[in-house]
Amino acid sequence: MSTAKKSEDNEVKSTKKKAKPTAKKSAASKVEKALAEANEALETEKDKFLRLFAEFENYKKRTSKERIELFKTAGQEVISSMLPIVDDFNRALKEAEKQENSADFEGFRLISNKLNETLKSKGLVAIEVNAGDAFDAEKHEAITQIPAGEEQSGKIVDVTEQGYQLGEKIIRYPKVVVGQ
């Protein structure tokens, strides 16, 4: 081989040697760039997954809570429609006590007690309100106000209709007369 050809070959080899490290750096930077993009995509997907999982957990809790609330008040309509019957029983019992032969109404009292106990077992509770109690607009329904002495001002004078609550929810507010 001639010396000229050898020097050309050496130049080509030296150029190729110089080109290889640049190619390695460029390939390495491409791999790093692809790895960084893949990591970023992974983090994005992890975040989406965690948010979706948290949203699903909240959904499960909410529906469970709604289901429990539904079971607690499932019979609310039926019980609410029976309240006038309970009121009629209570009025009839008061009148029966006034009668001379109140023993004749013993069966009626037993039926009334059975109805009241059945409703209590379903969660119905009478709201205790007495004359002289302080009026609370959140717990009572004022049907009228009458003039009263200063000691009766803002207090309940009379209870015209008993109030009831089913569980924690008031299904009928007690109707009261308030003193002015």
Protein backbone atom coordinates (compact mmCIF):
# COMPACT_ATOMS: atom_id res chain seq x y z
CA MET A 1 0.00 0.00 0.00
CA SER A 2 1.18 3.37 -0.74
CA THR A 3 1.80 5.90 1.96
CA ALA A 4 -0.76 8.25 0.51
CA LYS A 5 -3.42 5.61 0.71
CA LYS A 6 -2.39 4.77 4.27
CA SER A 7 -2.67 8.38 5.33
CA GLU A 8 -6.14 8.57 3.71
CA ASP A 9 -7.19 5.42 5.51
CA ASN A 10 -5.90 6.84 8.78
CA GLU A 11 -7.88 10.06 8.21
CA VAL A 12 -11.06 8.11 7.45
CA LYS A 13 -10.50 5.94 10.53
CA SER A 14 -9.86 9.00 12.71
CA THR A 15 -13.07 10.63 11.39
CA LYS A 16 -14.99 7.43 12.06
CA LYS A 17 -13.52 7.27 15.54
CA LYS A 18 -14.57 10.84 16.15
CA ALA A 19 -18.08 10.20 14.80
CA LYS A 20 -18.70 7.22 17.09
CA PRO A 21 -18.59 9.09 20.42
CA THR A 22 -21.01 11.71 19.09
CA ALA A 23 -23.34 8.99 17.89
CA LYS A 24 -23.12 7.29 21.29
CA LYS A 25 -23.89 10.56 23.05
CA SER A 26 -26.81 11.25 20.75
CA ALA A 27 -28.14 7.70 21.17
CA ALA A 28 -27.71 7.97 24.94
CA SER A 29 -29.51 11.30 25.03
CA LYS A 30 -32.35 9.81 22.96
CA VAL A 31 -32.62 6.90 25.37
CA GLU A 32 -32.56 9.26 28.36
CA LYS A 33 -35.16 11.46 26.72
CA ALA A 34 -37.38 8.45 25.98
CA LEU A 35 -36.87 7.22 29.56
CA ALA A 36 -37.81 10.64 30.96
CA GLU A 37 -40.94 10.72 28.77
CA ALA A 38 -41.84 7.19 29.85
CA ASN A 39 -41.38 8.13 33.52
CA GLU A 40 -43.49 11.23 33.05
CA ALA A 41 -46.22 9.19 31.35
CA LEU A 42 -46.00 6.64 34.17
CA GLU A 43 -46.41 9.36 36.81
CA THR A 44 -49.37 10.80 34.91
CA GLU A 45 -51.03 7.39 34.74
CA LYS A 46 -50.32 6.74 38.43
CA ASP A 47 -51.91 10.08 39.29
CA LYS A 48 -54.96 9.28 37.15
CA PHE A 49 -55.23 5.86 38.78
CA LEU A 50 -55.00 7.26 42.30
CA ARG A 51 -57.61 9.92 41.57
CA LEU A 52 -59.93 7.37 40.00
CA PHE A 53 -59.43 5.01 42.94
CA ALA A 54 -60.14 7.81 45.44
CA GLU A 55 -63.22 8.85 43.49
CA PHE A 56 -64.49 5.26 43.49
CA GLU A 57 -63.89 4.94 47.25
CA ASN A 58 -65.85 8.16 47.84
CA TYR A 59 -68.63 6.82 45.62
CA LYS A 60 -68.78 3.59 47.64
CA LYS A 61 -68.91 5.50 50.92
CA ARG A 62 -71.60 7.87 49.64
CA THR A 63 -73.82 5.10 48.28
CA SER A 64 -73.38 3.09 51.46
CA LYS A 65 -74.38 6.11 53.54
CA GLU A 66 -77.38 6.78 51.27
CA ARG A 67 -78.44 3.13 51.52
CA ILE A 68 -78.26 3.21 55.32
CA GLU A 69 -80.26 6.46 55.37
CA LEU A 70 -82.82 4.93 53.02
CA PHE A 71 -83.26 1.91 55.28
CA LYS A 72 -83.63 4.17 58.32
CA THR A 73 -86.42 6.16 56.73
CA ALA A 74 -87.81 3.56 54.34
CA GLY A 75 -91.21 3.49 56.02
CA GLN A 76 -91.43 7.25 56.51
CA GLU A 77 -94.36 7.71 54.14
CA VAL A 78 -96.34 4.87 55.68
CA ILE A 79 -95.63 6.01 59.22
CA SER A 80 -96.44 9.63 58.34
CA SER A 81 -99.78 8.56 56.91
CA MET A 82 -100.53 6.68 60.16
CA LEU A 83 -99.95 9.70 62.41
CA PRO A 84 -103.53 11.02 62.08
CA ILE A 85 -104.77 7.58 63.17
CA VAL A 86 -102.51 7.72 66.23
CA ASP A 87 -103.89 11.21 66.98
CA ASP A 88 -107.45 9.88 66.72
CA PHE A 89 -106.59 7.03 69.11
CA ASN A 90 -105.12 9.51 71.61
CA ARG A 91 -108.17 11.79 71.44
CA ALA A 92 -110.50 8.81 71.84
CA LEU A 93 -108.53 7.57 74.86
CA LYS A 94 -108.80 10.99 76.53
CA GLU A 95 -112.57 10.95 75.99
CA ALA A 96 -112.84 7.33 77.20
CA GLU A 97 -111.20 8.33 80.50
CA LYS A 98 -113.96 10.89 81.04
CA GLN A 99 -116.67 8.24 80.67
CA GLU A 100 -118.13 6.47 83.70
CA ASN A 101 -117.71 3.03 82.18
CA SER A 102 -114.08 3.44 81.09
CA ALA A 103 -113.53 -0.31 81.65
CA ASP A 104 -115.56 -0.89 78.49
CA PHE A 105 -112.76 0.72 76.51
CA GLU A 106 -110.02 -1.66 77.70
CA GLY A 107 -109.78 -3.44 74.32
CA PHE A 108 -109.51 -0.06 72.63
CA ARG A 109 -106.58 0.83 74.95
CA LEU A 110 -104.83 -2.46 74.16
CA ILE A 111 -105.11 -1.84 70.41
CA SER A 112 -103.81 1.70 70.85
CA ASN A 113 -100.85 0.50 72.94
CA LYS A 114 -100.03 -2.19 70.40
CA LEU A 115 -100.06 0.35 67.56
CA ASN A 116 -97.88 2.78 69.54
CA GLU A 117 -95.37 0.06 70.47
CA THR A 118 -95.16 -1.15 66.87
CA LEU A 119 -94.45 2.37 65.65
CA LYS A 120 -91.83 2.84 68.41
CA SER A 121 -90.10 -0.36 67.30
CA LYS A 122 -89.86 1.15 63.80
CA GLY A 123 -88.11 4.23 65.23
CA LEU A 124 -91.02 6.63 65.74
CA VAL A 125 -90.62 8.81 68.83
CA ALA A 126 -93.03 11.44 70.11
CA ILE A 127 -91.43 14.84 70.64
CA GLU A 128 -92.03 15.88 74.23
CA VAL A 129 -93.53 19.36 74.40
CA ASN A 130 -95.31 20.78 77.42
CA ALA A 131 -97.05 24.05 78.18
CA GLY A 132 -94.53 26.47 79.68
CA ASP A 133 -91.58 25.24 77.58
CA ALA A 134 -89.62 27.85 75.65
CA PHE A 135 -90.67 28.15 72.00
CA ASP A 136 -87.99 26.99 69.53
CA ALA A 137 -88.74 27.71 65.86
CA GLU A 138 -86.48 24.83 64.79
CA LYS A 139 -88.41 22.28 66.86
CA HIS A 140 -91.96 23.68 67.01
CA GLU A 141 -94.54 25.02 64.59
CA ALA A 142 -96.43 28.02 65.96
CA ILE A 143 -99.99 28.02 64.68
CA THR A 144 -101.03 31.15 66.57
CA GLN A 145 -99.97 33.65 69.20
CA ILE A 146 -102.20 34.75 72.04
CA PRO A 147 -101.78 37.55 74.56
CA ALA A 148 -100.34 36.22 77.79
CA GLY A 149 -98.61 37.55 80.87
CA GLU A 150 -94.95 38.48 80.84
CA GLU A 151 -93.95 35.13 82.33
CA GLN A 152 -95.63 33.32 79.38
CA SER A 153 -94.18 35.60 76.67
CA GLY A 154 -92.23 33.52 74.15
CA LYS A 155 -93.30 30.29 75.81
CA ILE A 156 -95.66 27.54 74.72
CA VAL A 157 -99.18 28.02 76.08
CA ASP A 158 -100.83 24.96 74.52
CA VAL A 159 -99.91 21.98 72.33
CA THR A 160 -102.58 21.37 69.68
CA GLU A 161 -100.91 18.51 67.81
CA GLN A 162 -98.17 16.15 68.93
CA GLY A 163 -94.92 16.12 66.93
CA TYR A 164 -92.95 13.02 65.94
CA GLN A 165 -89.50 12.14 64.75
CA LEU A 166 -88.36 9.04 62.91
CA GLY A 167 -84.80 8.28 63.92
CA GLU A 168 -83.05 11.64 63.90
CA LYS A 169 -85.39 13.26 61.38
CA ILE A 170 -88.47 15.21 62.47
CA ILE A 171 -91.36 14.02 60.30
CA ARG A 172 -94.04 16.21 61.93
CA TYR A 173 -93.35 19.28 64.01
CA PRO A 174 -95.50 19.79 67.11
CA LYS A 175 -98.13 22.47 66.54
CA VAL A 176 -98.20 24.89 69.44
CA VAL A 177 -99.82 28.11 70.62
CA VAL A 178 -97.28 30.70 71.76
CA GLY A 179 -97.80 33.48 74.29
CA GLN A 180 -97.02 37.09 73.39
